[in-house]
Amino acid sequence: MLTSDDITSRDICVVANPKSGRNSKDAQAIEQAMEALGSGAQLRRWSREGGLEDEVKSAIAEGFKVIVAAGGDGTVMGVAQAMMGQPAHMGVLPLGTFNYFARGLGLPQEPAPAARAILKGRAHRISVGSVNGTVFLNNASLGLYPAALRAREDVYNRWGRWRFLAHLSLIRTIYRFQRPHAMHITTSGGVERRLRSPLVFVARSAYQLGYFGLEGSDAIANDEFAVFVARPGSRWQMLKLALRLAMGTMKAGRDIELISTREMVIETRQPRPYVAFDGEKKRMPSPLTFKIHDDALSIIVPDPADRISA
């Protein structure tokens, strides 16, 4: 097991989004983190030509033991995808809006303390989820949530990145809600369900569940998915559902159905539905296959003394 005694600054390569250098706040945060990591650490930004996966694998081939994902949950997810099955460890420098994965690890949210926590941390293997081969660390979903992400992007592009606007875009999406999706869901053991729902939310982050006051942490601890299927209803019922989610009063059985499973296949009428995962989104071919990959990723977790409470 890699321990704090084994990690030196020369072992670390920080991989950042090429856009992060244009944002003065992110640029300053990366500068502070690199100073805390020491002169031996390297900073790289992937290019459109090479891509994130090639940058990560190139750094590993050069002998770096720790690849640090500098960015939000989307960047962290991308680095995790590239590091599956690789002989290196992943660190996280949180620069995003929500940073659910980093917060779940107990990492400080300020750049310099987070960097020092990586230097003094230890390696820990975790299981991760995937949908149609794409890794996700926090959640994946279809229905209302991917639509809300598209609306959120529109709002961000016009008004800037504010958490309040993210919640406002969700309300806007619900108001425009048309009809629930027809789905055929098959879970572990061949259990089948045919249903209609405006939202299926597949969780892998116990921190995120706690943040929203949702059940399902036992499933996460057992290396399963916590799957939330919203009950169909009117726009007003969907707005009440969103309000209960924001207030942490949503309950399984009353508002949603909770399913725990290690594998799941969702067939939809749409041949290529929009799927959201860790803040990103894209169309994927149906059926959607969800799997748990046991102990698939080695993560640097902070020493107890550096860990912040979730």
Protein backbone atom coordinates (compact mmCIF):
# COMPACT_ATOMS: atom_id res chain seq x y z
CA MET A 1 0.00 0.00 0.00
CA LEU A 2 1.28 3.46 -0.91
CA THR A 3 1.71 5.61 2.21
CA SER A 4 2.67 9.22 2.86
CA ASP A 5 6.28 8.10 3.32
CA ASP A 6 6.27 6.79 -0.26
CA ILE A 7 4.88 9.91 -1.99
CA THR A 8 7.29 12.65 -3.05
CA SER A 9 6.62 15.66 -5.24
CA ARG A 10 8.51 13.99 -8.10
CA ASP A 11 5.92 11.20 -8.11
CA ILE A 12 3.05 13.61 -8.84
CA CYS A 13 1.63 14.79 -12.15
CA VAL A 14 -1.28 17.25 -11.99
CA VAL A 15 -3.63 17.04 -14.98
CA ALA A 16 -5.85 20.07 -15.55
CA ASN A 17 -8.49 21.13 -18.05
CA PRO A 18 -6.95 23.43 -20.70
CA LYS A 19 -9.69 25.97 -19.94
CA SER A 20 -8.70 26.23 -16.28
CA GLY A 21 -5.75 28.49 -17.12
CA ARG A 22 -8.11 31.09 -18.58
CA ASN A 23 -10.13 31.37 -15.37
CA SER A 24 -8.18 33.59 -12.95
CA LYS A 25 -9.68 31.89 -9.88
CA ASP A 26 -8.77 28.38 -11.08
CA ALA A 27 -5.36 29.53 -12.31
CA GLN A 28 -4.58 30.97 -8.87
CA ALA A 29 -5.83 27.81 -7.17
CA ILE A 30 -3.61 25.60 -9.34
CA GLU A 31 -0.62 27.87 -8.68
CA GLN A 32 -1.17 27.60 -4.92
CA ALA A 33 -1.54 23.82 -5.15
CA MET A 34 1.62 23.39 -7.23
CA GLU A 35 3.58 25.47 -4.72
CA ALA A 36 2.33 23.25 -1.89
CA LEU A 37 3.17 20.07 -3.82
CA GLY A 38 6.77 21.15 -4.34
CA SER A 39 9.04 21.84 -7.27
CA GLY A 40 9.22 18.20 -8.35
CA ALA A 41 5.52 17.97 -9.27
CA GLN A 42 4.53 18.58 -12.87
CA LEU A 43 1.46 20.33 -14.27
CA ARG A 44 0.00 19.28 -17.61
CA ARG A 45 -3.08 20.31 -19.55
CA TRP A 46 -4.49 17.99 -22.14
CA SER A 47 -5.05 19.14 -25.70
CA ARG A 48 -7.96 18.61 -28.03
CA GLU A 49 -5.69 16.62 -30.32
CA GLY A 50 -4.35 14.23 -27.67
CA GLY A 51 -7.22 14.24 -25.18
CA LEU A 52 -7.41 13.57 -21.46
CA GLU A 53 -6.93 9.79 -21.62
CA ASP A 54 -3.75 10.05 -23.70
CA GLU A 55 -2.32 12.69 -21.32
CA VAL A 56 -2.97 10.49 -18.28
CA LYS A 57 -1.54 7.34 -19.84
CA SER A 58 1.50 9.24 -21.09
CA ALA A 59 2.22 10.51 -17.56
CA ILE A 60 1.89 6.99 -16.14
CA ALA A 61 4.22 5.61 -18.83
CA GLU A 62 6.80 8.22 -17.79
CA GLY A 63 6.78 6.82 -14.26
CA PHE A 64 4.51 9.13 -12.29
CA LYS A 65 2.96 7.23 -9.35
CA VAL A 66 0.18 9.73 -8.60
CA ILE A 67 -2.01 11.46 -11.19
CA VAL A 68 -3.93 14.37 -9.68
CA ALA A 69 -7.19 15.40 -11.35
CA ALA A 70 -7.44 19.19 -11.02
CA GLY A 71 -11.02 20.27 -11.62
CA GLY A 72 -14.64 19.50 -10.84
CA ASP A 73 -16.46 16.19 -10.78
CA GLY A 74 -16.46 15.96 -14.58
CA THR A 75 -12.66 16.22 -14.79
CA VAL A 76 -12.26 13.77 -11.91
CA MET A 77 -14.55 11.30 -13.71
CA GLY A 78 -12.51 11.62 -16.91
CA VAL A 79 -9.21 10.96 -15.14
CA ALA A 80 -10.77 7.98 -13.33
CA GLN A 81 -11.90 6.56 -16.69
CA ALA A 82 -8.34 6.81 -18.02
CA MET A 83 -6.83 5.23 -14.88
CA MET A 84 -8.96 2.09 -14.75
CA GLY A 85 -6.55 -0.83 -14.68
CA GLN A 86 -3.46 1.41 -14.62
CA PRO A 87 -0.53 0.91 -12.15
CA ALA A 88 -0.86 4.36 -10.57
CA HIS A 89 -2.92 6.18 -7.96
CA MET A 90 -5.36 9.04 -8.44
CA GLY A 91 -5.44 12.22 -6.37
CA VAL A 92 -8.07 14.96 -6.52
CA LEU A 93 -7.56 18.73 -6.43
CA PRO A 94 -11.14 20.09 -6.15
CA LEU A 95 -11.80 23.14 -8.35
CA GLY A 96 -15.46 22.64 -9.30
CA THR A 97 -18.77 23.97 -8.00
CA PHE A 98 -19.97 20.93 -6.07
CA ASN A 99 -16.95 18.58 -5.71
CA TYR A 100 -19.06 15.74 -4.32
CA PHE A 101 -16.38 13.09 -4.85
CA ALA A 102 -13.61 15.14 -3.21
CA ARG A 103 -15.87 16.03 -0.29
CA GLY A 104 -16.76 12.36 0.11
CA LEU A 105 -13.05 11.57 0.48
CA GLY A 106 -12.78 14.20 3.22
CA LEU A 107 -10.39 16.36 1.20
CA PRO A 108 -10.00 20.04 2.10
CA GLN A 109 -11.64 22.30 -0.47
CA GLU A 110 -8.89 24.94 -0.48
CA PRO A 111 -6.09 24.26 -3.01
CA ALA A 112 -3.00 24.38 -0.77
CA PRO A 113 -4.46 22.24 2.08
CA ALA A 114 -5.83 19.78 -0.50
CA ALA A 115 -2.39 19.49 -2.12
CA ARG A 116 -0.71 18.90 1.25
CA ALA A 117 -3.34 16.25 2.06
CA ILE A 118 -2.41 14.44 -1.17
CA LEU A 119 1.30 14.54 -0.26
CA LYS A 120 0.59 13.09 3.18
CA GLY A 121 -2.15 10.71 2.06
CA ARG A 122 -2.31 6.98 1.41
CA ALA A 123 -3.65 4.79 -1.37
CA HIS A 124 -7.04 3.13 -0.98
CA ARG A 125 -8.81 0.98 -3.58
CA ILE A 126 -12.46 1.71 -4.35
CA SER A 127 -15.16 0.15 -6.49
CA VAL A 128 -16.69 2.29 -9.23
CA GLY A 129 -19.79 2.20 -11.39
CA SER A 130 -20.11 2.40 -15.15
CA VAL A 131 -22.89 2.85 -17.70
CA ASN A 132 -22.25 1.42 -21.15
CA GLY A 133 -18.55 1.35 -20.26
CA THR A 134 -18.33 4.98 -19.09
CA VAL A 135 -17.11 5.28 -15.50
CA PHE A 136 -18.93 7.51 -13.00
CA LEU A 137 -18.07 8.19 -9.36
CA ASN A 138 -21.09 10.09 -8.03
CA ASN A 139 -24.20 9.38 -10.09
CA ALA A 140 -25.70 8.65 -13.47
CA SER A 141 -29.27 9.41 -14.50
CA LEU A 142 -31.77 9.73 -17.28
CA GLY A 143 -34.94 11.76 -17.63
CA LEU A 144 -35.36 15.08 -15.88
CA TYR A 145 -31.82 15.41 -14.55
CA PRO A 146 -29.98 15.36 -17.91
CA ALA A 147 -32.55 17.87 -19.16
CA ALA A 148 -31.81 20.04 -16.11
CA LEU A 149 -28.08 19.91 -16.88
CA ARG A 150 -28.73 21.17 -20.40
CA ALA A 151 -30.81 24.02 -18.95
CA ARG A 152 -28.11 24.73 -16.36
CA GLU A 153 -25.48 25.07 -19.08
CA ASP A 154 -27.65 27.62 -20.86
CA VAL A 155 -28.03 29.62 -17.64
CA TYR A 156 -24.31 29.38 -16.80
CA ASN A 157 -23.30 30.53 -20.27
CA ARG A 158 -25.53 33.58 -19.93
CA TRP A 159 -25.17 34.55 -16.27
CA GLY A 160 -22.13 32.74 -14.88
CA ARG A 161 -21.60 29.76 -12.54
CA TRP A 162 -23.69 30.21 -9.38
CA ARG A 163 -25.11 27.36 -7.30
CA PHE A 164 -28.42 29.23 -6.92
CA LEU A 165 -28.77 29.29 -10.71
CA ALA A 166 -28.18 25.53 -10.85
CA HIS A 167 -31.21 25.00 -8.59
CA LEU A 168 -33.24 27.56 -10.56
CA SER A 169 -32.52 25.71 -13.81
CA LEU A 170 -33.90 22.51 -12.24
CA ILE A 171 -37.19 24.26 -11.41
CA ARG A 172 -37.32 25.62 -14.95
CA THR A 173 -36.84 22.12 -16.38
CA ILE A 174 -39.58 20.66 -14.19
CA TYR A 175 -41.96 23.42 -15.26
CA ARG A 176 -41.38 22.41 -18.88
CA PHE A 177 -41.79 18.72 -18.06
CA GLN A 178 -43.94 16.90 -20.60
CA ARG A 179 -44.34 13.18 -19.89
CA PRO A 180 -42.55 10.35 -18.04
CA HIS A 181 -40.38 7.84 -19.92
CA ALA A 182 -41.47 4.25 -20.48
CA MET A 183 -38.71 1.87 -19.31
CA HIS A 184 -37.95 -1.80 -18.88
CA ILE A 185 -35.52 -2.28 -15.98
CA THR A 186 -33.75 -5.57 -15.23
CA THR A 187 -31.68 -5.75 -12.01
CA SER A 188 -29.42 -8.37 -10.40
CA GLY A 189 -30.98 -11.81 -10.31
CA GLY A 190 -33.11 -11.10 -13.38
CA VAL A 191 -35.77 -9.06 -11.53
CA GLU A 192 -37.76 -7.12 -14.14
CA ARG A 193 -39.85 -3.97 -13.88
CA ARG A 194 -41.86 -2.20 -16.57
CA LEU A 195 -42.66 1.33 -15.50
CA ARG A 196 -43.04 4.96 -16.43
CA SER A 197 -40.92 7.55 -14.64
CA PRO A 198 -39.68 11.11 -15.22
CA LEU A 199 -36.34 10.31 -13.56
CA VAL A 200 -34.04 7.40 -12.76
CA PHE A 201 -31.10 8.44 -10.57
CA VAL A 202 -28.29 5.90 -10.02
CA ALA A 203 -26.09 6.84 -7.06
CA ARG A 204 -22.57 5.78 -6.05
CA SER A 205 -21.71 8.58 -3.61
CA ALA A 206 -22.73 8.20 0.04
CA TYR A 207 -21.71 11.83 0.60
CA GLN A 208 -24.10 13.07 -2.08
CA LEU A 209 -26.94 10.98 -0.64
CA GLY A 210 -26.29 12.46 2.80
CA TYR A 211 -26.12 15.98 1.35
CA PHE A 212 -29.65 15.58 -0.04
CA GLY A 213 -30.95 13.62 2.94
CA LEU A 214 -31.56 10.50 0.87
CA GLU A 215 -31.51 6.87 1.98
CA GLY A 216 -29.29 4.33 0.25
CA SER A 217 -25.91 4.68 1.99
CA ASP A 218 -26.08 0.98 2.99
CA ALA A 219 -26.18 0.04 -0.69
CA ILE A 220 -23.11 2.18 -1.39
CA ALA A 221 -21.24 0.57 1.54
CA ASN A 222 -22.10 -2.86 0.10
CA ASP A 223 -20.66 -1.86 -3.31
CA GLU A 224 -24.07 -1.63 -4.92
CA PHE A 225 -25.94 1.08 -6.76
CA ALA A 226 -28.64 3.00 -4.92
CA VAL A 227 -31.21 3.50 -7.67
CA PHE A 228 -33.98 6.08 -7.19
CA VAL A 229 -37.00 5.86 -9.48
CA ALA A 230 -39.32 8.87 -9.25
CA ARG A 231 -43.03 8.27 -9.33
CA PRO A 232 -44.84 9.86 -12.29
CA GLY A 233 -46.99 12.92 -11.59
CA SER A 234 -47.98 16.40 -12.67
CA ARG A 235 -45.65 19.38 -12.90
CA TRP A 236 -46.84 20.50 -9.46
CA GLN A 237 -46.04 17.07 -8.02
CA MET A 238 -42.59 17.20 -9.63
CA LEU A 239 -42.02 20.67 -8.13
CA LYS A 240 -42.98 19.33 -4.69
CA LEU A 241 -40.56 16.46 -5.25
CA ALA A 242 -37.75 18.93 -6.04
CA LEU A 243 -38.62 20.99 -2.96
CA ARG A 244 -38.51 17.91 -0.73
CA LEU A 245 -35.15 17.01 -2.27
CA ALA A 246 -33.79 20.50 -1.53
CA MET A 247 -35.11 20.35 2.05
CA GLY A 248 -33.82 16.81 2.63
CA THR A 249 -37.31 15.44 3.35
CA MET A 250 -37.71 13.09 0.37
CA LYS A 251 -38.72 9.57 1.41
CA ALA A 252 -38.49 6.22 -0.32
CA GLY A 253 -41.94 4.69 -0.74
CA ARG A 254 -43.79 8.02 -0.71
CA ASP A 255 -41.87 9.99 -3.35
CA ILE A 256 -39.57 7.49 -4.97
CA GLU A 257 -38.80 3.80 -5.23
CA LEU A 258 -35.36 2.76 -3.97
CA ILE A 259 -33.63 -0.21 -5.59
CA SER A 260 -30.28 -1.69 -4.52
CA THR A 261 -28.44 -3.66 -7.17
CA ARG A 262 -24.95 -4.42 -8.50
CA GLU A 263 -26.03 -4.70 -12.13
CA MET A 264 -28.88 -3.17 -14.08
CA VAL A 265 -30.08 -2.90 -17.66
CA ILE A 266 -32.52 -0.15 -18.67
CA GLU A 267 -34.29 -0.35 -22.02
CA THR A 268 -36.00 2.81 -23.24
CA ARG A 269 -38.21 3.61 -26.20
CA GLN A 270 -35.71 6.26 -27.24
CA PRO A 271 -32.90 4.61 -29.20
CA ARG A 272 -30.31 7.09 -27.83
CA PRO A 273 -31.53 8.75 -24.61
CA TYR A 274 -29.59 11.54 -22.90
CA VAL A 275 -27.64 10.21 -19.90
CA ALA A 276 -26.03 12.43 -17.27
CA PHE A 277 -23.04 11.27 -15.23
CA ASP A 278 -21.06 13.34 -12.69
CA GLY A 279 -22.23 16.62 -14.20
CA GLU A 280 -21.52 15.63 -17.81
CA LYS A 281 -24.05 14.39 -20.33
CA LYS A 282 -24.28 12.65 -23.69
CA ARG A 283 -26.55 10.45 -25.73
CA MET A 284 -26.02 6.72 -25.26
CA PRO A 285 -27.50 3.77 -27.13
CA SER A 286 -30.28 1.86 -25.40
CA PRO A 287 -30.20 -0.51 -23.58
CA LEU A 288 -28.15 1.15 -20.82
CA THR A 289 -26.00 -1.35 -18.93
CA PHE A 290 -24.87 -0.44 -15.40
CA LYS A 291 -22.10 -2.41 -13.66
CA ILE A 292 -20.05 -2.27 -10.47
CA HIS A 293 -16.30 -2.75 -10.96
CA ASP A 294 -14.81 -4.08 -7.72
CA ASP A 295 -11.65 -2.42 -6.33
CA ALA A 296 -11.05 -0.95 -9.78
CA LEU A 297 -9.40 2.34 -8.83
CA SER A 298 -6.66 3.34 -6.40
CA ILE A 299 -7.41 6.71 -4.77
CA ILE A 300 -5.23 8.87 -2.52
CA VAL A 301 -7.22 9.54 0.64
CA PRO A 302 -6.14 12.07 3.28
CA ASP A 303 -4.56 11.18 6.59
CA PRO A 304 -7.16 11.33 9.40
CA ALA A 305 -5.50 14.47 10.72
CA ASP A 306 -6.10 16.25 7.38
CA ARG A 307 -9.57 14.94 6.74
CA ILE A 308 -12.49 17.35 6.88
CA SER A 309 -15.84 16.17 8.17
CA ALA A 310 -18.47 15.44 5.52
